[in-house]
Amino acid sequence: MIKGKVLLLDPVVKPQEIRGESKTRQSSETFGKQGEEFAASHLQNLGFKILETNYKKFFGEIDIIAQKKDLVVFVEVKARKNSQISMLEIVRPSKQKKIILVAKSYMGRHNLYNVTCRFDVALIHMIDNKKQEFVYVENAFGEQQEY
């Protein structure tokens, strides 16, 4: 069973129109950025140091990489205003594989060999355009081992 912590956030502040983008796209991007910032703040409050945000490789991206002692967490942040599917089903196995591949690349590039890795998911969902629900799922997925 997946464990998560639910927090209610303040309503989203409506963004100003920038660079002629549509309000819908802009609002979604702002909402997603706000979700990433909240998840990073949540980790910092738990004593984690944010190592990277939006770490990109040509084969994938990780939203947040954070470390606390010998634990490195790779966090996928999903923010949705409307969702027809369960928030916990948004990070599909194909996305998980990409995140794991990018994490391995990051670990090798930064010589992080004697640490524990964890893959978390932060879910932010708008409720009735008034409140936001924040669910943080630790150890949401991992690499499958074949024997």
Protein backbone atom coordinates (compact mmCIF):
# COMPACT_ATOMS: atom_id res chain seq x y z
CA MET A 1 0.00 0.00 0.00
CA ILE A 2 1.28 3.45 -0.89
CA LYS A 3 1.51 5.92 1.97
CA GLY A 4 1.10 9.63 1.42
CA LYS A 5 0.70 12.81 3.40
CA VAL A 6 -2.11 15.18 2.46
CA LEU A 7 -1.83 18.93 2.98
CA LEU A 8 -4.18 21.68 1.79
CA LEU A 9 -2.56 24.71 0.19
CA ASP A 10 -3.75 28.24 -0.49
CA PRO A 11 -5.56 28.95 -3.76
CA VAL A 12 -3.44 29.47 -6.85
CA VAL A 13 -2.65 33.09 -7.68
CA LYS A 14 -3.76 33.85 -11.25
CA PRO A 15 -0.75 34.72 -13.43
CA GLN A 16 -0.41 37.83 -15.57
CA GLU A 17 -0.27 37.24 -19.30
CA ILE A 18 3.37 36.95 -20.39
CA ARG A 19 4.89 36.76 -23.89
CA GLY A 20 1.45 36.54 -25.50
CA GLU A 21 0.86 32.96 -24.28
CA SER A 22 -2.69 31.82 -23.71
CA LYS A 23 -4.03 32.13 -20.18
CA THR A 24 -4.76 28.38 -20.04
CA ARG A 25 -1.22 27.33 -20.95
CA GLN A 26 0.31 30.01 -18.77
CA SER A 27 -1.89 29.11 -15.84
CA SER A 28 -0.98 25.41 -16.18
CA GLU A 29 2.73 26.20 -16.36
CA THR A 30 2.48 28.49 -13.35
CA PHE A 31 0.50 25.88 -11.43
CA GLY A 32 3.13 23.24 -12.27
CA LYS A 33 5.99 25.53 -11.22
CA GLN A 34 4.16 26.33 -8.00
CA GLY A 35 3.82 22.60 -7.35
CA GLU A 36 7.55 22.07 -7.86
CA GLU A 37 8.38 24.96 -5.53
CA PHE A 38 6.04 23.63 -2.85
CA ALA A 39 7.50 20.12 -3.11
CA ALA A 40 11.05 21.53 -2.83
CA SER A 41 10.01 23.57 0.20
CA HIS A 42 8.44 20.47 1.76
CA LEU A 43 11.72 18.58 1.34
CA GLN A 44 13.75 21.46 2.79
CA ASN A 45 11.44 21.52 5.82
CA LEU A 46 12.28 17.85 6.30
CA GLY A 47 16.01 18.66 6.32
CA PHE A 48 16.85 17.87 2.69
CA LYS A 49 19.22 19.95 0.61
CA ILE A 50 17.97 20.60 -2.92
CA LEU A 51 20.76 19.52 -5.28
CA GLU A 52 19.02 20.12 -8.61
CA THR A 53 15.70 21.19 -10.05
CA ASN A 54 14.55 20.30 -13.56
CA TYR A 55 17.65 18.18 -14.19
CA LYS A 56 17.53 17.29 -17.90
CA LYS A 57 19.20 14.73 -20.09
CA PHE A 58 18.22 14.06 -23.69
CA PHE A 59 16.39 10.90 -22.57
CA GLY A 60 14.44 12.38 -19.65
CA GLU A 61 14.11 14.84 -16.80
CA ILE A 62 13.84 14.77 -13.02
CA ASP A 63 11.93 17.60 -11.36
CA ILE A 64 13.78 17.64 -8.03
CA ILE A 65 16.91 15.93 -6.74
CA ALA A 66 17.49 16.31 -3.00
CA GLN A 67 19.81 14.83 -0.40
CA LYS A 68 19.72 14.29 3.35
CA LYS A 69 22.82 12.59 4.74
CA ASP A 70 23.25 9.38 2.70
CA LEU A 71 19.76 9.44 1.16
CA VAL A 72 19.24 10.91 -2.31
CA VAL A 73 15.65 11.36 -3.47
CA PHE A 74 14.54 11.83 -7.06
CA VAL A 75 11.14 13.49 -7.14
CA GLU A 76 8.60 13.60 -9.95
CA VAL A 77 6.09 16.42 -9.41
CA LYS A 78 2.65 16.23 -11.00
CA ALA A 79 0.24 19.14 -10.76
CA ARG A 80 -3.24 18.87 -12.22
CA LYS A 81 -6.25 21.15 -12.19
CA ASN A 82 -8.54 18.55 -13.69
CA SER A 83 -7.80 14.87 -13.76
CA GLN A 84 -9.97 12.08 -15.13
CA ILE A 85 -7.54 9.46 -13.83
CA SER A 86 -6.20 8.80 -10.37
CA MET A 87 -3.30 11.09 -9.49
CA LEU A 88 -1.35 8.01 -8.36
CA GLU A 89 -1.58 6.54 -11.88
CA ILE A 90 -0.08 9.57 -13.63
CA VAL A 91 3.54 8.41 -13.43
CA ARG A 92 3.36 5.51 -15.86
CA PRO A 93 5.97 2.72 -15.98
CA SER A 94 7.56 4.23 -19.12
CA LYS A 95 8.04 7.55 -17.27
CA GLN A 96 9.40 5.70 -14.24
CA LYS A 97 12.03 3.98 -16.44
CA LYS A 98 13.14 7.34 -17.84
CA ILE A 99 13.42 8.83 -14.35
CA ILE A 100 15.47 5.85 -13.17
CA LEU A 101 17.77 6.14 -16.21
CA VAL A 102 18.33 9.87 -15.58
CA ALA A 103 18.92 9.15 -11.87
CA LYS A 104 21.60 6.56 -12.72
CA SER A 105 23.26 9.06 -15.02
CA TYR A 106 23.17 11.75 -12.30
CA MET A 107 24.59 9.37 -9.68
CA GLY A 108 27.48 8.37 -11.93
CA ARG A 109 28.23 11.92 -13.02
CA HIS A 110 28.36 13.11 -9.38
CA ASN A 111 30.16 10.05 -7.97
CA LEU A 112 27.30 9.16 -5.64
CA TYR A 113 28.02 5.48 -5.06
CA ASN A 114 27.60 4.87 -1.33
CA VAL A 115 24.18 6.40 -0.90
CA THR A 116 20.62 5.12 -0.79
CA CYS A 117 18.30 6.23 -3.60
CA ARG A 118 14.58 6.74 -3.35
CA PHE A 119 12.03 7.66 -6.00
CA ASP A 120 9.22 9.87 -4.70
CA VAL A 121 6.19 11.48 -6.31
CA ALA A 122 4.64 14.80 -5.26
CA LEU A 123 1.04 15.22 -6.40
CA ILE A 124 -0.74 18.56 -6.39
CA HIS A 125 -4.41 18.60 -7.35
CA MET A 126 -6.79 21.55 -7.54
CA ILE A 127 -10.03 21.04 -5.62
CA ASP A 128 -12.96 23.19 -6.78
CA ASN A 129 -10.61 26.01 -7.88
CA LYS A 130 -10.31 26.96 -4.20
CA LYS A 131 -7.93 24.60 -2.46
CA GLN A 132 -5.02 22.48 -3.54
CA GLU A 133 -4.37 19.03 -2.18
CA PHE A 134 -0.71 18.04 -1.76
CA VAL A 135 0.14 14.36 -1.50
CA TYR A 136 3.77 13.33 -1.10
CA VAL A 137 4.43 9.65 -1.78
CA GLU A 138 7.78 8.36 -0.56
CA ASN A 139 9.30 5.36 -2.33
CA ALA A 140 6.54 5.54 -4.96
CA PHE A 141 8.39 3.30 -7.40
CA GLY A 142 11.73 1.62 -8.01
CA GLU A 143 13.67 -0.38 -10.50
CA GLN A 144 12.36 -3.90 -11.03
CA GLN A 145 14.98 -6.61 -10.61
CA GLU A 146 14.84 -9.70 -12.79
CA TYR A 147 16.40 -12.93 -11.50
